[in-house]
Protein backbone atom coordinates (compact mmCIF):
# COMPACT_ATOMS: atom_id res chain seq x y z
CA MET A 1 28.36 -80.75 57.79
CA PHE A 2 30.37 -83.59 59.31
CA GLU A 3 33.78 -82.07 60.06
CA HIS A 4 35.23 -85.34 61.37
CA ILE A 5 34.27 -88.87 60.27
CA LEU A 6 35.39 -92.14 61.87
CA VAL A 7 35.84 -95.34 59.83
CA PRO A 8 36.54 -98.51 61.86
CA LEU A 9 38.55 -101.14 59.96
CA ASP A 10 39.57 -104.71 60.74
CA GLY A 11 41.98 -105.44 57.91
CA THR A 12 39.46 -107.14 55.62
CA PRO A 13 38.16 -106.07 52.18
CA LEU A 14 34.64 -106.34 53.59
CA ALA A 15 35.23 -103.70 56.23
CA GLU A 16 36.91 -101.49 53.64
CA GLN A 17 33.64 -101.25 51.71
CA ALA A 18 32.74 -98.43 54.11
CA LEU A 19 35.52 -96.34 52.59
CA GLY A 20 33.59 -95.37 49.45
CA PRO A 21 30.74 -93.47 51.17
CA ALA A 22 33.10 -92.10 53.83
CA VAL A 23 35.54 -90.76 51.23
CA SER A 24 32.71 -89.21 49.24
CA LEU A 25 31.33 -87.39 52.29
CA ALA A 26 34.77 -86.26 53.46
CA ARG A 27 35.89 -85.09 50.04
CA GLU A 28 32.87 -82.92 49.33
CA GLU A 29 32.67 -81.42 52.82
CA GLY A 30 36.40 -81.09 53.39
CA ALA A 31 36.06 -83.31 56.44
CA HIS A 32 38.84 -85.02 58.37
CA LEU A 33 38.71 -88.82 57.95
CA HIS A 34 39.83 -90.90 60.95
CA LEU A 35 40.78 -94.51 60.16
CA ALA A 36 40.97 -96.74 63.23
CA THR A 37 41.41 -100.34 64.17
CA VAL A 38 41.44 -102.02 67.57
CA GLU A 39 44.16 -104.40 68.66
CA ARG A 40 43.26 -106.82 71.41
CA SER A 41 45.63 -107.45 74.30
CA ALA A 42 47.86 -110.51 74.25
CA ASN A 43 45.75 -112.30 76.89
CA ALA A 44 42.42 -111.56 75.23
CA GLU A 45 40.49 -114.40 73.61
CA LEU A 46 40.37 -113.45 69.93
CA GLU A 47 37.47 -114.34 67.65
CA PRO A 48 38.61 -116.50 64.70
CA SER A 49 37.82 -113.66 62.27
CA ILE A 50 40.04 -111.07 63.96
CA GLU A 51 43.20 -110.66 61.93
CA ILE A 52 46.62 -109.61 63.18
CA LEU A 53 47.22 -106.48 61.14
CA ASP A 54 50.43 -105.53 59.43
CA GLU A 55 52.07 -102.41 60.86
CA ASP A 56 51.68 -100.62 57.53
CA TYR A 57 48.05 -101.61 56.93
CA LEU A 58 46.44 -98.33 57.98
CA ALA A 59 49.15 -96.34 56.22
CA HIS A 60 48.33 -98.11 52.95
CA VAL A 61 44.62 -97.44 53.37
CA ALA A 62 45.30 -93.79 54.23
CA ALA A 63 47.34 -93.45 51.04
CA ARG A 64 44.40 -94.74 49.00
CA VAL A 65 42.10 -92.26 50.71
CA ARG A 66 44.44 -89.34 50.00
CA ASP A 67 44.76 -90.42 46.37
CA ALA A 68 40.95 -90.25 46.19
CA GLY A 69 41.00 -86.57 47.11
CA VAL A 70 40.69 -86.46 50.89
CA SER A 71 43.30 -84.06 52.24
CA HIS A 72 42.88 -84.65 55.96
CA VAL A 73 43.40 -88.28 57.00
CA SER A 74 44.66 -89.74 60.25
CA THR A 75 45.16 -93.29 61.48
CA GLU A 76 44.99 -94.82 64.93
CA ARG A 77 45.77 -98.29 66.22
CA LEU A 78 43.65 -98.50 69.35
CA ALA A 79 44.11 -100.99 72.17
CA GLY A 80 41.42 -102.62 74.25
CA ASP A 81 39.57 -105.86 74.79
CA LYS A 82 36.20 -104.15 74.28
CA ILE A 83 36.17 -103.04 70.67
CA VAL A 84 32.99 -100.95 70.82
CA ASP A 85 34.16 -99.04 73.89
CA ALA A 86 37.56 -98.33 72.35
CA LEU A 87 36.03 -97.05 69.11
CA GLU A 88 33.45 -94.87 70.84
CA ALA A 89 36.10 -93.39 73.12
CA HIS A 90 38.24 -92.56 70.10
CA ARG A 91 35.24 -91.07 68.28
CA ARG A 92 34.60 -88.71 71.18
CA LYS A 93 38.29 -87.80 71.45
CA SER A 94 38.60 -87.11 67.72
CA GLY A 95 35.36 -85.12 67.61
CA ALA A 96 33.89 -87.31 64.89
CA GLY A 97 30.22 -86.51 64.34
CA LEU A 98 29.64 -89.62 62.21
CA THR A 99 30.86 -93.21 62.16
CA VAL A 100 30.79 -95.06 58.84
CA MET A 101 31.24 -98.82 58.88
CA CYS A 102 30.32 -101.92 56.99
CA THR A 103 27.86 -104.46 58.36
CA HIS A 104 26.80 -107.85 57.10
CA GLY A 105 23.07 -106.97 57.25
CA ARG A 106 21.06 -109.71 55.64
CA GLY A 107 24.02 -111.11 53.76
CA ALA A 108 24.86 -113.51 56.60
CA VAL A 109 28.56 -112.74 56.32
CA GLU A 110 29.83 -113.75 59.73
CA ARG A 111 32.65 -111.48 60.82
CA ALA A 112 33.38 -110.11 64.26
CA TRP A 113 33.44 -106.49 63.13
CA LEU A 114 30.60 -106.76 60.62
CA GLY A 115 27.94 -107.63 63.15
CA SER A 116 28.39 -107.29 66.88
CA VAL A 117 30.53 -104.17 66.69
CA ALA A 118 28.12 -102.41 64.35
CA ASP A 119 25.23 -103.36 66.63
CA GLY A 120 27.15 -102.12 69.65
CA LEU A 121 27.93 -98.74 68.12
CA VAL A 122 24.33 -98.25 66.97
CA ARG A 123 23.07 -98.92 70.50
CA THR A 124 25.63 -96.88 72.41
CA SER A 125 27.18 -94.17 70.23
CA GLU A 126 26.07 -90.60 70.84
CA ALA A 127 26.77 -89.82 67.18
CA PRO A 128 24.96 -91.12 64.07
CA VAL A 129 26.23 -94.33 62.49
CA LEU A 130 26.10 -94.91 58.75
CA LEU A 131 25.89 -98.65 58.13
CA VAL A 132 27.04 -99.73 54.67
CA ARG A 133 25.74 -103.04 53.40
CA ALA A 134 28.51 -105.51 52.60
CA ALA A 135 28.72 -106.83 49.06
CA ALA A 136 30.04 -110.24 48.11
CA ALA A 137 33.04 -111.51 50.06
CA GLY A 138 35.14 -111.61 46.91
CA ARG A 139 34.95 -107.87 46.28
CA SER A 140 38.33 -106.44 45.39
CA ARG A 141 40.38 -104.50 47.90
CA GLY A 142 41.53 -102.25 45.08
CA GLU A 143 38.22 -100.42 44.61
CA ASP A 144 38.68 -97.01 43.01
CA LEU A 145 37.68 -94.62 45.79
CA ARG A 146 37.83 -91.66 43.43
CA ALA A 147 34.61 -92.88 41.80
CA ALA A 148 32.63 -92.86 45.06
CA ALA A 149 29.36 -90.97 44.60
CA ARG A 150 27.30 -89.01 47.08
CA PHE A 151 23.77 -89.98 48.04
CA LYS A 152 21.23 -88.31 45.76
CA ARG A 153 17.96 -89.73 47.16
CA VAL A 154 17.55 -89.97 50.93
CA LEU A 155 14.49 -91.64 52.44
CA VAL A 156 13.79 -90.39 55.98
CA ALA A 157 11.48 -92.56 58.10
CA LEU A 158 9.31 -90.48 60.44
CA ASP A 159 6.56 -91.39 62.88
CA GLY A 160 5.35 -87.96 63.96
CA SER A 161 7.33 -87.99 67.21
CA HIS A 162 9.97 -85.57 68.49
CA PHE A 163 12.41 -88.46 68.65
CA SER A 164 12.12 -89.52 65.02
CA ARG A 165 12.58 -85.89 63.93
CA GLN A 166 16.10 -85.97 65.33
CA SER A 167 17.18 -87.95 62.27
CA LEU A 168 16.52 -84.91 60.05
CA GLY A 169 19.66 -82.96 60.96
CA PRO A 170 22.16 -85.76 60.24
CA ALA A 171 20.19 -86.82 57.14
CA SER A 172 20.42 -83.30 55.74
CA ARG A 173 24.23 -83.61 55.64
CA LEU A 174 24.30 -86.74 53.49
CA GLY A 175 23.74 -85.22 50.08
CA PRO A 176 24.93 -82.18 48.16
CA MET A 177 22.60 -79.20 48.04
CA PRO A 178 21.14 -78.61 45.54
CA GLY A 179 20.93 -82.00 43.87
CA THR A 180 19.62 -84.27 46.61
CA VAL A 181 15.97 -85.30 46.95
CA TYR A 182 14.69 -86.11 50.44
CA VAL A 183 11.69 -88.42 50.68
CA PHE A 184 9.87 -88.11 54.01
CA ALA A 185 8.05 -91.37 54.69
CA ARG A 186 5.31 -92.13 57.19
CA ILE A 187 4.07 -95.70 57.46
CA ILE A 188 0.82 -96.32 59.36
CA PRO A 189 0.27 -99.84 60.69
CA GLY A 190 -2.82 -101.45 59.18
CA SER A 191 -4.49 -102.32 55.90
CA GLY A 192 -5.90 -98.86 55.14
CA GLU A 193 -9.21 -100.14 53.83
CA ASP A 194 -11.48 -97.29 52.69
CA THR A 195 -14.30 -98.64 54.85
CA ASP A 196 -12.27 -98.21 58.01
CA GLU A 197 -13.09 -94.67 59.14
CA ARG A 198 -10.49 -94.74 61.91
CA GLN A 199 -7.74 -95.73 59.52
CA GLN A 200 -8.59 -92.86 57.18
CA LYS A 201 -8.64 -90.42 60.08
CA ASN A 202 -5.21 -91.66 61.11
CA ARG A 203 -3.97 -91.08 57.58
CA THR A 204 -5.32 -87.54 57.48
CA LEU A 205 -3.62 -86.67 60.75
CA ALA A 206 -0.37 -88.31 59.68
CA GLU A 207 -0.33 -86.45 56.38
CA ALA A 208 -0.98 -83.13 58.12
CA LYS A 209 1.98 -83.67 60.46
CA LEU A 210 4.20 -84.80 57.61
CA ASP A 211 3.28 -81.75 55.55
CA LEU A 212 4.46 -79.52 58.39
CA GLU A 213 7.79 -81.36 58.47
CA VAL A 214 8.14 -81.03 54.70
CA GLN A 215 7.42 -77.29 54.76
CA SER A 216 9.90 -76.68 57.57
CA PHE A 217 12.66 -78.71 55.89
CA ALA A 218 12.02 -77.27 52.43
CA SER A 219 12.31 -73.75 53.83
CA GLY A 220 16.02 -74.47 54.23
CA GLY A 221 16.37 -74.87 50.47
CA TYR A 222 16.07 -78.66 50.35
CA THR A 223 14.07 -80.58 47.74
CA VAL A 224 11.53 -82.69 49.60
CA GLU A 225 8.89 -85.24 48.66
CA SER A 226 6.53 -86.98 51.05
CA VAL A 227 4.59 -90.23 51.12
CA THR A 228 2.15 -91.69 53.65
CA GLU A 229 1.10 -95.31 53.35
CA PHE A 230 -0.56 -98.11 55.28
CA ALA A 231 1.36 -101.36 55.73
CA PRO A 232 0.87 -104.44 57.95
CA SER A 233 4.55 -104.10 58.91
CA VAL A 234 6.03 -100.63 59.43
CA ALA A 235 9.57 -101.88 58.83
CA GLN A 236 8.68 -103.69 55.63
CA GLY A 237 6.73 -100.65 54.49
CA ILE A 238 9.85 -98.51 54.88
CA LEU A 239 11.96 -101.03 52.98
CA ASP A 240 9.40 -101.26 50.18
CA LEU A 241 9.26 -97.45 49.86
CA ALA A 242 13.05 -97.27 49.71
CA GLU A 243 12.97 -99.74 46.84
CA ARG A 244 10.16 -98.00 44.94
CA HIS A 245 11.67 -94.54 45.37
CA ASP A 246 15.16 -95.79 44.47
CA ALA A 247 16.59 -94.35 47.68
CA ASP A 248 20.37 -94.41 47.99
CA VAL A 249 20.15 -94.43 51.80
CA ILE A 250 17.55 -94.74 54.56
CA ALA A 251 17.70 -92.44 57.60
CA ILE A 252 15.97 -93.63 60.77
CA ALA A 253 16.03 -93.02 64.52
CA THR A 254 16.40 -95.76 67.09
CA HIS A 255 16.08 -95.61 70.86
CA GLY A 256 19.39 -97.43 71.46
CA ARG A 257 19.79 -97.81 75.19
CA SER A 258 17.58 -94.85 76.12
CA GLY A 259 14.45 -96.95 76.52
CA VAL A 260 12.19 -94.75 74.42
CA SER A 261 9.26 -96.77 73.10
CA ARG A 262 7.86 -95.39 69.83
CA VAL A 263 6.44 -96.91 66.65
CA ILE A 264 9.47 -96.15 64.49
CA LEU A 265 12.00 -96.24 67.31
CA GLY A 266 13.40 -99.55 68.49
CA SER A 267 12.23 -102.81 66.98
CA VAL A 268 11.18 -101.21 63.69
CA ALA A 269 14.56 -99.54 63.26
CA ASP A 270 16.28 -102.82 64.07
CA LYS A 271 14.29 -104.63 61.38
CA VAL A 272 15.05 -101.92 58.84
CA ILE A 273 18.76 -102.07 59.65
CA ARG A 274 18.85 -105.85 59.26
CA GLY A 275 16.58 -106.03 56.24
CA ALA A 276 17.86 -103.17 54.09
CA ASP A 277 19.85 -103.80 50.94
CA ARG A 278 21.24 -100.25 50.97
CA PRO A 279 23.03 -98.03 53.51
CA VAL A 280 21.15 -97.00 56.63
CA LEU A 281 21.89 -93.88 58.68
CA VAL A 282 20.98 -94.64 62.30
CA VAL A 283 20.46 -91.80 64.77
CA ARG A 284 20.02 -92.42 68.48
CA PRO A 285 17.89 -89.52 69.71
CA ARG A 286 18.39 -87.61 72.90
CA GLU A 287 15.65 -87.56 75.49
CA ALA A 288 13.48 -84.44 75.46
């Protein structure tokens, strides 16, 4: 379980859209929710979208979170000209094992916190980051957090490597057990024509590896499905599967700054993050 969860906020309704999933996770697991914002120094050059926050802003948000059933909530106004560094330092200090934040994704909503900061945390944080896709800019700040629902279908993108497997642990904490279905997905680059003997051999090997993963995961009491498909684009294949399987969230590993070069890790993860129309759990694996 995630005992501590960090939610970065910037004072906007868009950033607050991360509260729903964060509250749901914290409420069911009894986790401590840490709400944080970063105030730039007086001599720092502020982006036009950074707002000067009211002193009571975080207190008001914390009250909404408590009303939604989260008992343990804390707030922190951090200082620093480098937002990503300040947030990651606070995450480590607070012991948060997950960061939940909103990102503009493919919605082209240009905000300082809903783009560069999310990218920075994905590439540098030692803990998983759950990126929540921003809805329309006019979404109400008064969203009822008590109605937030847990993820019931989790699609986990795997490529057969040790590194991609490291997304399994964090993904297993996203949904209630029993009640959550995990879909293990393996996309093989190519057309998959029946006449291509090599392609079919690749599929057989991929399915055998995926079956082992399914058996191991299911032995822990989880409900697991698996799918192996060919696709010209691995990233688009993952996105298409998420749509067809009605996944509530996609879990994927990315190399971040570690320099690991794998099929699923790196550029594919980046394309999935930017192209998804649903939340994405991003895990930066440790080197073997």
